[in-house]
Amino acid sequence: MKYAIVCIALIFGLPSILCQAQVDRDNLISLDLSYALIGLLNQGGGIGLSYEKKIVDYLSFSGVFGHMTFLTGIKNVYCTSVSLSAFSNYYPLSNGLDKLYISIGGGCDFMNYFGKGELPENTGDVLIHITPQLGWKFNATRFLMIDASTGYKFFIFDAENYTEIKKYVNPGLRFKLGVKIFFSEIIKRGF
């Protein structure tokens, strides 16, 4: 089952799929399905939501909320997680939310373990991270935006219970290819 899901993800070439519902080009609300993919690969599920707001020309702030529940590598031990992140984004080549962007942000992953397996005394972990990113967004059509980025996730506060849990929150070098669909444009133009 895991290999079928990986093959499907590779076929579409999207490790992170973002479906976009947008009111205008200064606000981006995105459904982030990368949490669902990680959850499915580990016999669980998840969902993420992202919001980006242009503050002034060349500068925006964004926030990400994610949730996953999945089976860990320890027999009969499950994990449920909530992820909260915030980023400051600088667009040196555009006064909108497209083209080259440089961002820095951080966040927390709150992990809670449960199940019939061998649980630790403290069934929760908190992972705090800082993540610099470099990316490029471009409008492929008036209905579709592509977002390609790379970054590095540094943990500044680590897991205390299960050190193997870090692999579920993707530490280290990260690559993302996202697709944002402007549903409001499709509806407005009667596509």
N, C-alpha and C. Protein backbone atom coordinates (compact mmCIF):
# COMPACT_ATOMS: atom_id res chain seq x y z
N MET A 1 0.82 -1.19 0.00
CA MET A 1 0.00 0.00 0.00
C MET A 1 0.86 1.26 0.00
N LYS A 2 1.95 1.26 0.83
CA LYS A 2 2.82 2.43 0.89
C LYS A 2 3.44 2.73 -0.47
N TYR A 3 3.86 1.70 -1.19
CA TYR A 3 4.53 1.89 -2.47
C TYR A 3 3.56 2.42 -3.52
N ALA A 4 2.31 2.03 -3.45
CA ALA A 4 1.31 2.54 -4.38
C ALA A 4 1.10 4.03 -4.18
N ILE A 5 1.05 4.46 -2.92
CA ILE A 5 0.86 5.88 -2.62
C ILE A 5 2.08 6.68 -3.07
N VAL A 6 3.28 6.15 -2.83
CA VAL A 6 4.50 6.83 -3.27
C VAL A 6 4.51 6.95 -4.79
N CYS A 7 4.14 5.90 -5.49
CA CYS A 7 4.10 5.94 -6.96
C CYS A 7 3.10 6.97 -7.46
N ILE A 8 1.95 7.04 -6.83
CA ILE A 8 0.96 8.05 -7.22
C ILE A 8 1.52 9.45 -7.03
N ALA A 9 2.19 9.68 -5.88
CA ALA A 9 2.77 11.00 -5.61
C ALA A 9 3.85 11.33 -6.64
N LEU A 10 4.67 10.35 -7.00
CA LEU A 10 5.73 10.59 -7.97
C LEU A 10 5.17 10.83 -9.37
N ILE A 11 4.11 10.12 -9.71
CA ILE A 11 3.49 10.33 -11.02
C ILE A 11 3.04 11.77 -11.17
N PHE A 12 2.42 12.28 -10.14
CA PHE A 12 1.96 13.66 -10.20
C PHE A 12 3.07 14.65 -9.90
N GLY A 13 4.20 14.16 -9.38
CA GLY A 13 5.35 15.01 -9.12
C GLY A 13 5.11 16.06 -8.06
N LEU A 14 4.25 15.76 -7.10
CA LEU A 14 3.90 16.77 -6.12
C LEU A 14 4.07 16.24 -4.70
N PRO A 15 5.24 16.40 -4.08
CA PRO A 15 5.38 15.98 -2.69
C PRO A 15 4.50 16.80 -1.76
N SER A 16 4.16 17.98 -2.16
CA SER A 16 3.23 18.81 -1.41
C SER A 16 2.22 19.37 -2.40
N ILE A 17 0.95 19.02 -2.25
CA ILE A 17 -0.08 19.48 -3.17
C ILE A 17 -0.88 20.55 -2.45
N LEU A 18 -0.97 21.71 -3.06
CA LEU A 18 -1.69 22.80 -2.44
C LEU A 18 -2.86 23.20 -3.34
N CYS A 19 -4.05 23.02 -2.88
CA CYS A 19 -5.23 23.44 -3.62
C CYS A 19 -5.63 24.80 -3.08
N GLN A 20 -5.77 25.76 -3.93
CA GLN A 20 -5.90 27.15 -3.55
C GLN A 20 -7.32 27.67 -3.74
N ALA A 21 -7.86 28.28 -2.73
CA ALA A 21 -9.09 29.05 -2.85
C ALA A 21 -8.70 30.48 -2.52
N GLN A 22 -8.87 31.39 -3.45
CA GLN A 22 -8.33 32.73 -3.28
C GLN A 22 -9.36 33.78 -3.62
N VAL A 23 -9.43 34.81 -2.80
CA VAL A 23 -10.33 35.92 -3.05
C VAL A 23 -9.64 36.97 -3.92
N ASP A 24 -8.40 37.31 -3.62
CA ASP A 24 -7.63 38.23 -4.44
C ASP A 24 -6.17 37.80 -4.41
N ARG A 25 -5.34 38.50 -5.16
CA ARG A 25 -3.94 38.09 -5.28
C ARG A 25 -3.07 38.57 -4.11
N ASP A 26 -3.65 39.21 -3.10
CA ASP A 26 -2.90 39.64 -1.92
C ASP A 26 -3.17 38.74 -0.71
N ASN A 27 -4.03 37.76 -0.87
CA ASN A 27 -4.37 36.80 0.18
C ASN A 27 -4.39 35.42 -0.45
N LEU A 28 -3.64 34.48 0.11
CA LEU A 28 -3.64 33.12 -0.40
C LEU A 28 -4.06 32.17 0.72
N ILE A 29 -5.13 31.44 0.50
CA ILE A 29 -5.58 30.41 1.43
C ILE A 29 -5.39 29.08 0.72
N SER A 30 -4.59 28.19 1.31
CA SER A 30 -4.24 26.95 0.63
C SER A 30 -4.51 25.74 1.52
N LEU A 31 -5.00 24.70 0.90
CA LEU A 31 -5.14 23.41 1.56
C LEU A 31 -3.86 22.64 1.27
N ASP A 32 -3.12 22.27 2.31
CA ASP A 32 -1.83 21.59 2.15
C ASP A 32 -2.00 20.10 2.40
N LEU A 33 -1.93 19.31 1.35
CA LEU A 33 -2.16 17.88 1.44
C LEU A 33 -0.89 17.08 1.74
N SER A 34 0.24 17.75 1.99
CA SER A 34 1.45 17.01 2.34
C SER A 34 1.28 16.30 3.68
N TYR A 35 0.49 16.87 4.59
CA TYR A 35 0.21 16.21 5.87
C TYR A 35 -0.57 14.92 5.62
N ALA A 36 -1.51 14.95 4.69
CA ALA A 36 -2.27 13.74 4.34
C ALA A 36 -1.36 12.68 3.76
N LEU A 37 -0.41 13.08 2.91
CA LEU A 37 0.50 12.13 2.28
C LEU A 37 1.39 11.46 3.33
N ILE A 38 1.96 12.24 4.24
CA ILE A 38 2.81 11.66 5.30
C ILE A 38 1.99 10.74 6.18
N GLY A 39 0.78 11.16 6.53
CA GLY A 39 -0.10 10.31 7.33
C GLY A 39 -0.43 9.00 6.62
N LEU A 40 -0.78 9.06 5.34
CA LEU A 40 -1.12 7.85 4.57
C LEU A 40 0.06 6.90 4.46
N LEU A 41 1.26 7.46 4.30
CA LEU A 41 2.45 6.61 4.19
C LEU A 41 2.75 5.88 5.50
N ASN A 42 2.16 6.35 6.60
CA ASN A 42 2.39 5.74 7.91
C ASN A 42 1.09 5.23 8.52
N GLN A 43 0.19 4.73 7.67
CA GLN A 43 -1.07 4.12 8.08
C GLN A 43 -1.93 5.06 8.91
N GLY A 44 -2.05 6.30 8.45
CA GLY A 44 -2.88 7.28 9.14
C GLY A 44 -3.43 8.28 8.16
N GLY A 45 -3.59 9.50 8.61
CA GLY A 45 -4.11 10.57 7.76
C GLY A 45 -3.75 11.91 8.33
N GLY A 46 -4.08 12.96 7.60
CA GLY A 46 -3.80 14.31 8.06
C GLY A 46 -4.29 15.35 7.09
N ILE A 47 -4.19 16.59 7.49
CA ILE A 47 -4.60 17.72 6.65
C ILE A 47 -3.85 18.96 7.12
N GLY A 48 -3.64 19.90 6.21
CA GLY A 48 -2.98 21.15 6.55
C GLY A 48 -3.67 22.32 5.89
N LEU A 49 -3.55 23.49 6.48
CA LEU A 49 -4.14 24.71 5.95
C LEU A 49 -3.11 25.82 6.07
N SER A 50 -2.97 26.59 4.99
CA SER A 50 -1.98 27.67 4.94
C SER A 50 -2.67 28.97 4.54
N TYR A 51 -2.21 30.07 5.12
CA TYR A 51 -2.73 31.39 4.77
C TYR A 51 -1.56 32.35 4.61
N GLU A 52 -1.54 33.10 3.52
CA GLU A 52 -0.50 34.11 3.29
C GLU A 52 -1.16 35.43 3.00
N LYS A 53 -0.69 36.49 3.65
CA LYS A 53 -1.26 37.82 3.53
C LYS A 53 -0.16 38.81 3.19
N LYS A 54 -0.37 39.57 2.10
CA LYS A 54 0.55 40.65 1.74
C LYS A 54 0.35 41.79 2.73
N ILE A 55 1.43 42.21 3.39
CA ILE A 55 1.37 43.29 4.37
C ILE A 55 1.64 44.62 3.69
N VAL A 56 2.75 44.72 3.00
CA VAL A 56 3.12 45.87 2.18
C VAL A 56 3.79 45.32 0.93
N ASP A 57 4.10 46.18 -0.02
CA ASP A 57 4.81 45.71 -1.22
C ASP A 57 6.07 44.96 -0.81
N TYR A 58 6.30 43.83 -1.43
CA TYR A 58 7.48 42.98 -1.25
C TYR A 58 7.50 42.17 0.05
N LEU A 59 6.52 42.32 0.91
CA LEU A 59 6.55 41.63 2.20
C LEU A 59 5.19 41.00 2.52
N SER A 60 5.25 39.74 2.96
CA SER A 60 4.02 39.06 3.40
C SER A 60 4.33 38.21 4.63
N PHE A 61 3.28 37.83 5.30
CA PHE A 61 3.38 36.90 6.42
C PHE A 61 2.50 35.71 6.11
N SER A 62 2.92 34.54 6.55
CA SER A 62 2.11 33.35 6.32
C SER A 62 2.11 32.47 7.56
N GLY A 63 1.04 31.72 7.68
CA GLY A 63 0.90 30.78 8.77
C GLY A 63 0.43 29.44 8.24
N VAL A 64 0.84 28.37 8.90
CA VAL A 64 0.47 27.02 8.50
C VAL A 64 -0.03 26.27 9.73
N PHE A 65 -1.16 25.59 9.57
CA PHE A 65 -1.70 24.70 10.60
C PHE A 65 -1.77 23.32 9.98
N GLY A 66 -1.28 22.30 10.69
CA GLY A 66 -1.36 20.93 10.19
C GLY A 66 -1.70 19.96 11.29
N HIS A 67 -2.35 18.87 10.90
CA HIS A 67 -2.71 17.82 11.85
C HIS A 67 -2.49 16.46 11.18
N MET A 68 -1.91 15.52 11.92
CA MET A 68 -1.73 14.14 11.45
C MET A 68 -1.98 13.18 12.60
N THR A 69 -2.49 12.01 12.27
CA THR A 69 -2.55 10.88 13.19
C THR A 69 -2.02 9.68 12.41
N PHE A 70 -1.06 8.94 13.01
CA PHE A 70 -0.41 7.86 12.27
C PHE A 70 0.18 6.83 13.22
N LEU A 71 0.54 5.69 12.67
CA LEU A 71 1.19 4.61 13.41
C LEU A 71 2.70 4.88 13.40
N THR A 72 3.32 4.84 14.58
CA THR A 72 4.77 5.05 14.66
C THR A 72 5.49 3.74 14.34
N GLY A 73 6.80 3.77 14.36
CA GLY A 73 7.60 2.58 14.13
C GLY A 73 7.62 1.64 15.32
N ILE A 74 7.07 2.07 16.46
CA ILE A 74 7.01 1.24 17.65
C ILE A 74 5.68 0.49 17.65
N LYS A 75 5.71 -0.80 17.86
CA LYS A 75 4.52 -1.65 17.74
C LYS A 75 3.36 -1.14 18.61
N ASN A 76 2.19 -0.98 17.98
CA ASN A 76 0.94 -0.57 18.63
C ASN A 76 1.01 0.80 19.31
N VAL A 77 1.90 1.68 18.85
CA VAL A 77 1.97 3.04 19.38
C VAL A 77 1.63 4.00 18.24
N TYR A 78 0.62 4.82 18.48
CA TYR A 78 0.17 5.81 17.50
C TYR A 78 0.59 7.19 17.96
N CYS A 79 0.58 8.11 17.04
CA CYS A 79 0.92 9.49 17.36
C CYS A 79 -0.11 10.40 16.70
N THR A 80 -0.54 11.39 17.42
CA THR A 80 -1.33 12.46 16.83
C THR A 80 -0.52 13.73 17.00
N SER A 81 -0.49 14.55 15.96
CA SER A 81 0.34 15.75 16.02
C SER A 81 -0.43 16.95 15.53
N VAL A 82 -0.07 18.09 16.08
CA VAL A 82 -0.57 19.38 15.64
C VAL A 82 0.66 20.23 15.36
N SER A 83 0.67 20.86 14.20
CA SER A 83 1.81 21.68 13.79
C SER A 83 1.34 23.11 13.54
N LEU A 84 2.05 24.07 14.11
CA LEU A 84 1.78 25.49 13.90
C LEU A 84 3.07 26.16 13.48
N SER A 85 3.04 26.91 12.38
CA SER A 85 4.22 27.61 11.88
C SER A 85 3.85 29.00 11.40
N ALA A 86 4.79 29.92 11.47
CA ALA A 86 4.62 31.28 10.96
C ALA A 86 5.88 31.68 10.20
N PHE A 87 5.71 32.38 9.07
CA PHE A 87 6.82 32.79 8.23
C PHE A 87 6.69 34.24 7.82
N SER A 88 7.83 34.89 7.68
CA SER A 88 7.92 36.21 7.09
C SER A 88 8.54 36.01 5.71
N ASN A 89 7.89 36.52 4.65
CA ASN A 89 8.30 36.28 3.28
C ASN A 89 8.66 37.59 2.59
N TYR A 90 9.82 37.63 1.95
CA TYR A 90 10.28 38.81 1.21
C TYR A 90 10.33 38.46 -0.27
N TYR A 91 9.66 39.28 -1.10
CA TYR A 91 9.62 39.09 -2.55
C TYR A 91 10.43 40.21 -3.21
N PRO A 92 11.74 40.02 -3.47
CA PRO A 92 12.56 41.10 -4.00
C PRO A 92 12.24 41.49 -5.44
N LEU A 93 11.61 40.63 -6.22
CA LEU A 93 11.35 40.90 -7.64
C LEU A 93 9.90 41.23 -7.95
N SER A 94 9.05 41.26 -6.94
CA SER A 94 7.62 41.46 -7.18
C SER A 94 6.98 42.12 -5.98
N ASN A 95 5.99 42.96 -6.24
CA ASN A 95 5.25 43.54 -5.11
C ASN A 95 3.99 42.74 -4.81
N GLY A 96 3.84 41.58 -5.44
CA GLY A 96 2.72 40.68 -5.19
C GLY A 96 3.19 39.44 -4.47
N LEU A 97 2.44 38.36 -4.60
CA LEU A 97 2.80 37.10 -3.97
C LEU A 97 3.26 36.10 -5.01
N ASP A 98 4.16 36.55 -5.89
CA ASP A 98 4.70 35.65 -6.91
C ASP A 98 6.16 35.99 -7.17
N LYS A 99 6.81 35.21 -7.98
CA LYS A 99 8.23 35.28 -8.33
C LYS A 99 9.11 34.83 -7.15
N LEU A 100 10.36 35.26 -7.12
CA LEU A 100 11.33 34.83 -6.11
C LEU A 100 10.90 35.29 -4.72
N TYR A 101 11.03 34.40 -3.75
CA TYR A 101 10.78 34.79 -2.36
C TYR A 101 11.81 34.14 -1.44
N ILE A 102 12.13 34.87 -0.39
CA ILE A 102 13.03 34.41 0.67
C ILE A 102 12.22 34.49 1.95
N SER A 103 12.20 33.42 2.71
CA SER A 103 11.40 33.46 3.93
C SER A 103 12.16 32.83 5.09
N ILE A 104 11.79 33.29 6.26
CA ILE A 104 12.32 32.73 7.50
C ILE A 104 11.14 32.59 8.45
N GLY A 105 11.13 31.49 9.13
CA GLY A 105 10.02 31.26 10.05
C GLY A 105 10.35 30.17 11.03
N GLY A 106 9.38 29.87 11.81
CA GLY A 106 9.55 28.82 12.79
C GLY A 106 8.21 28.30 13.21
N GLY A 107 8.27 27.28 14.04
CA GLY A 107 7.03 26.70 14.48
C GLY A 107 7.23 25.62 15.51
N CYS A 108 6.12 25.02 15.89
CA CYS A 108 6.09 23.96 16.88
C CYS A 108 5.32 22.77 16.34
N ASP A 109 5.79 21.60 16.67
CA ASP A 109 5.07 20.36 16.41
C ASP A 109 4.79 19.74 17.77
N PHE A 110 3.51 19.60 18.08
CA PHE A 110 3.08 19.00 19.34
C PHE A 110 2.70 17.56 19.06
N MET A 111 3.40 16.61 19.68
CA MET A 111 3.19 15.18 19.44
C MET A 111 2.61 14.54 20.69
N ASN A 112 1.60 13.68 20.49
CA ASN A 112 1.00 12.96 21.60
C ASN A 112 0.91 11.48 21.22
N TYR A 113 1.45 10.59 22.05
CA TYR A 113 1.51 9.17 21.76
C TYR A 113 0.42 8.43 22.53
N PHE A 114 -0.18 7.44 21.87
CA PHE A 114 -1.22 6.64 22.52
C PHE A 114 -1.25 5.26 21.88
N GLY A 115 -1.93 4.35 22.49
CA GLY A 115 -2.06 2.99 21.95
C GLY A 115 -1.78 1.95 23.02
N LYS A 116 -1.69 0.69 22.59
CA LYS A 116 -1.50 -0.42 23.51
C LYS A 116 -0.04 -0.86 23.60
N GLY A 117 0.83 -0.19 22.86
CA GLY A 117 2.25 -0.54 22.89
C GLY A 117 2.96 0.07 24.07
N GLU A 118 4.28 0.02 24.05
CA GLU A 118 5.11 0.54 25.13
C GLU A 118 5.19 2.06 25.05
N LEU A 119 4.39 2.74 25.87
CA LEU A 119 4.33 4.20 25.90
C LEU A 119 5.32 4.75 26.92
N PRO A 120 5.87 5.93 26.68
CA PRO A 120 6.75 6.55 27.68
C PRO A 120 5.93 7.10 28.84
N GLU A 121 6.61 7.46 29.94
CA GLU A 121 5.92 8.06 31.08
C GLU A 121 5.22 9.35 30.68
N ASN A 122 5.94 10.18 29.94
CA ASN A 122 5.36 11.43 29.42
C ASN A 122 4.94 11.15 27.98
N THR A 123 3.65 11.18 27.71
CA THR A 123 3.15 10.78 26.39
C THR A 123 3.13 11.92 25.38
N GLY A 124 3.82 13.02 25.66
CA GLY A 124 3.85 14.14 24.73
C GLY A 124 5.25 14.61 24.45
N ASP A 125 5.45 15.16 23.26
CA ASP A 125 6.71 15.78 22.86
C ASP A 125 6.40 17.11 22.19
N VAL A 126 7.31 18.04 22.32
CA VAL A 126 7.21 19.31 21.60
C VAL A 126 8.51 19.49 20.84
N LEU A 127 8.39 19.72 19.53
CA LEU A 127 9.56 19.98 18.69
C LEU A 127 9.44 21.42 18.19
N ILE A 128 10.45 22.23 18.42
CA ILE A 128 10.44 23.62 17.98
C ILE A 128 11.51 23.77 16.91
N HIS A 129 11.15 24.45 15.82
CA HIS A 129 12.07 24.54 14.69
C HIS A 129 12.11 25.95 14.10
N ILE A 130 13.23 26.22 13.43
CA ILE A 130 13.40 27.42 12.60
C ILE A 130 13.68 26.92 11.19
N THR A 131 13.03 27.56 10.19
CA THR A 131 13.17 27.10 8.81
C THR A 131 13.38 28.28 7.86
N PRO A 132 14.59 28.46 7.32
CA PRO A 132 14.76 29.42 6.22
C PRO A 132 14.40 28.74 4.90
N GLN A 133 13.81 29.50 3.96
CA GLN A 133 13.39 28.94 2.68
C GLN A 133 13.73 29.90 1.54
N LEU A 134 13.89 29.33 0.36
CA LEU A 134 14.08 30.08 -0.87
C LEU A 134 13.17 29.45 -1.90
N GLY A 135 12.34 30.26 -2.56
CA GLY A 135 11.40 29.66 -3.51
C GLY A 135 11.03 30.59 -4.64
N TRP A 136 10.22 30.06 -5.55
CA TRP A 136 9.75 30.80 -6.71
C TRP A 136 8.30 30.41 -6.97
N LYS A 137 7.43 31.40 -7.06
CA LYS A 137 6.04 31.19 -7.42
C LYS A 137 5.80 31.85 -8.77
N PHE A 138 5.10 31.15 -9.64
CA PHE A 138 4.74 31.80 -10.91
C PHE A 138 3.37 31.32 -11.36
N ASN A 139 2.69 32.22 -12.04
CA ASN A 139 1.37 31.91 -12.56
C ASN A 139 1.53 31.17 -13.88
N ALA A 140 1.18 29.88 -13.90
CA ALA A 140 1.26 29.09 -15.12
C ALA A 140 0.13 29.48 -16.07
N THR A 141 -1.06 29.69 -15.54
CA THR A 141 -2.21 30.21 -16.27
C THR A 141 -2.93 31.15 -15.33
N ARG A 142 -4.02 31.74 -15.77
CA ARG A 142 -4.75 32.62 -14.86
C ARG A 142 -5.47 31.83 -13.77
N PHE A 143 -5.53 30.50 -13.92
CA PHE A 143 -6.19 29.65 -12.94
C PHE A 143 -5.21 28.85 -12.08
N LEU A 144 -3.91 28.89 -12.40
CA LEU A 144 -2.97 27.96 -11.79
C LEU A 144 -1.64 28.64 -11.45
N MET A 145 -1.16 28.43 -10.21
CA MET A 145 0.14 28.94 -9.77
C MET A 145 1.01 27.76 -9.35
N ILE A 146 2.29 27.81 -9.71
CA ILE A 146 3.27 26.80 -9.31
C ILE A 146 4.18 27.42 -8.24
N ASP A 147 4.45 26.67 -7.18
CA ASP A 147 5.30 27.13 -6.08
C ASP A 147 6.38 26.07 -5.84
N ALA A 148 7.63 26.40 -6.20
CA ALA A 148 8.77 25.50 -5.99
C ALA A 148 9.69 26.15 -4.96
N SER A 149 10.09 25.37 -3.94
CA SER A 149 10.95 25.95 -2.91
C SER A 149 11.84 24.89 -2.29
N THR A 150 12.86 25.38 -1.62
CA THR A 150 13.74 24.55 -0.84
C THR A 150 14.03 25.28 0.47
N GLY A 151 14.31 24.51 1.50
CA GLY A 151 14.59 25.10 2.80
C GLY A 151 15.29 24.08 3.68
N TYR A 152 15.60 24.51 4.88
CA TYR A 152 16.25 23.62 5.83
C TYR A 152 15.57 23.81 7.18
N LYS A 153 15.06 22.72 7.74
CA LYS A 153 14.36 22.76 9.02
C LYS A 153 15.33 22.39 10.14
N PHE A 154 15.67 23.40 10.99
CA PHE A 154 16.56 23.22 12.13
C PHE A 154 15.73 23.04 13.39
N PHE A 155 15.98 21.98 14.14
CA PHE A 155 15.30 21.82 15.43
C PHE A 155 16.11 22.55 16.49
N ILE A 156 15.44 23.39 17.26
CA ILE A 156 16.11 24.05 18.37
C ILE A 156 15.67 23.46 19.71
N PHE A 157 14.61 22.68 19.68
CA PHE A 157 14.16 21.93 20.86
C PHE A 157 13.67 20.60 20.35
N ASP A 158 14.26 19.52 20.84
CA ASP A 158 14.07 18.19 20.27
C ASP A 158 13.10 17.33 21.05
N ALA A 159 12.73 16.20 20.43
CA ALA A 159 11.87 15.21 21.07
C ALA A 159 12.58 14.58 22.26
N GLU A 160 11.87 14.40 23.35
CA GLU A 160 12.45 13.78 24.53
C GLU A 160 12.15 12.29 24.60
N ASN A 161 11.02 11.86 24.07
CA ASN A 161 10.59 10.48 24.25
C ASN A 161 11.09 9.56 23.16
N TYR A 162 10.64 9.74 21.95
CA TYR A 162 11.01 8.86 20.84
C TYR A 162 11.84 9.68 19.85
N THR A 163 13.11 9.43 19.79
CA THR A 163 13.94 10.19 18.86
C THR A 163 13.60 9.87 17.41
N GLU A 164 13.05 8.69 17.14
CA GLU A 164 12.68 8.35 15.77
C GLU A 164 11.47 9.13 15.27
N ILE A 165 10.75 9.82 16.17
CA ILE A 165 9.56 10.58 15.78
C ILE A 165 9.92 11.77 14.89
N LYS A 166 11.18 12.23 14.96
CA LYS A 166 11.59 13.39 14.17
C LYS A 166 11.41 13.17 12.67
N LYS A 167 11.52 11.92 12.21
CA LYS A 167 11.40 11.69 10.77
C LYS A 167 9.99 12.00 10.25
N TYR A 168 9.00 12.01 11.13
CA TYR A 168 7.63 12.31 10.70
C TYR A 168 7.39 13.81 10.53
N VAL A 169 8.25 14.64 11.09
CA VAL A 169 8.08 16.09 10.97
C VAL A 169 9.11 16.69 10.01
N ASN A 170 9.77 15.86 9.23
CA ASN A 170 10.64 16.26 8.12
C ASN A 170 11.76 17.23 8.49
N PRO A 171 12.71 16.83 9.33
CA PRO A 171 13.84 17.72 9.62
C PRO A 171 14.82 17.76 8.45
N GLY A 172 15.71 18.73 8.50
CA GLY A 172 16.78 18.82 7.49
C GLY A 172 16.34 19.49 6.21
N LEU A 173 17.02 19.15 5.13
CA LEU A 173 16.78 19.75 3.82
C LEU A 173 15.40 19.35 3.30
N ARG A 174 14.66 20.34 2.81
CA ARG A 174 13.30 20.12 2.33
C ARG A 174 13.14 20.69 0.93
N PHE A 175 12.42 19.97 0.09
CA PHE A 175 12.06 20.44 -1.24
C PHE A 175 10.54 20.38 -1.35
N LYS A 176 9.96 21.38 -1.97
CA LYS A 176 8.51 21.41 -2.10
C LYS A 176 8.14 21.87 -3.51
N LEU A 177 7.18 21.19 -4.08
CA LEU A 177 6.59 21.60 -5.34
C LEU A 177 5.09 21.64 -5.12
N GLY A 178 4.52 22.83 -5.16
CA GLY A 178 3.10 23.00 -4.89
C GLY A 178 2.36 23.54 -6.09
N VAL A 179 1.11 23.19 -6.18
CA VAL A 179 0.22 23.69 -7.23
C VAL A 179 -0.93 24.40 -6.53
N LYS A 180 -1.17 25.64 -6.90
CA LYS A 180 -2.26 26.41 -6.32
C LYS A 180 -3.27 26.68 -7.43
N ILE A 181 -4.50 26.29 -7.18
CA ILE A 181 -5.57 26.47 -8.16
C ILE A 181 -6.45 27.62 -7.69
N PHE A 182 -6.64 28.62 -8.52
CA PHE A 182 -7.46 29.77 -8.17
C PHE A 182 -8.92 29.46 -8.51
N PHE A 183 -9.61 28.81 -7.56
CA PHE A 183 -10.99 28.42 -7.79
C PHE A 183 -11.89 29.63 -8.00
N SER A 184 -11.62 30.73 -7.32
CA SER A 184 -12.46 31.92 -7.48
C SER A 184 -12.38 32.45 -8.91
N GLU A 185 -11.21 32.35 -9.54
CA GLU A 185 -11.07 32.78 -10.94
C GLU A 185 -11.86 31.85 -11.88
N ILE A 186 -11.81 30.56 -11.59
CA ILE A 186 -12.54 29.59 -12.42
C ILE A 186 -14.04 29.85 -12.33
N ILE A 187 -14.53 30.06 -11.13
CA ILE A 187 -15.96 30.32 -10.92
C ILE A 187 -16.35 31.65 -11.55
N LYS A 188 -15.53 32.69 -11.34
CA LYS A 188 -15.84 34.02 -11.85
C LYS A 188 -15.92 34.03 -13.37
N ARG A 189 -15.04 33.30 -14.05
CA ARG A 189 -14.99 33.30 -15.51
C ARG A 189 -15.87 32.21 -16.14
N GLY A 190 -16.51 31.39 -15.30
CA GLY A 190 -17.40 30.37 -15.82
C GLY A 190 -16.68 29.25 -16.56
N PHE A 191 -15.51 28.84 -16.06
CA PHE A 191 -14.72 27.80 -16.70
C PHE A 191 -15.35 26.45 -16.55
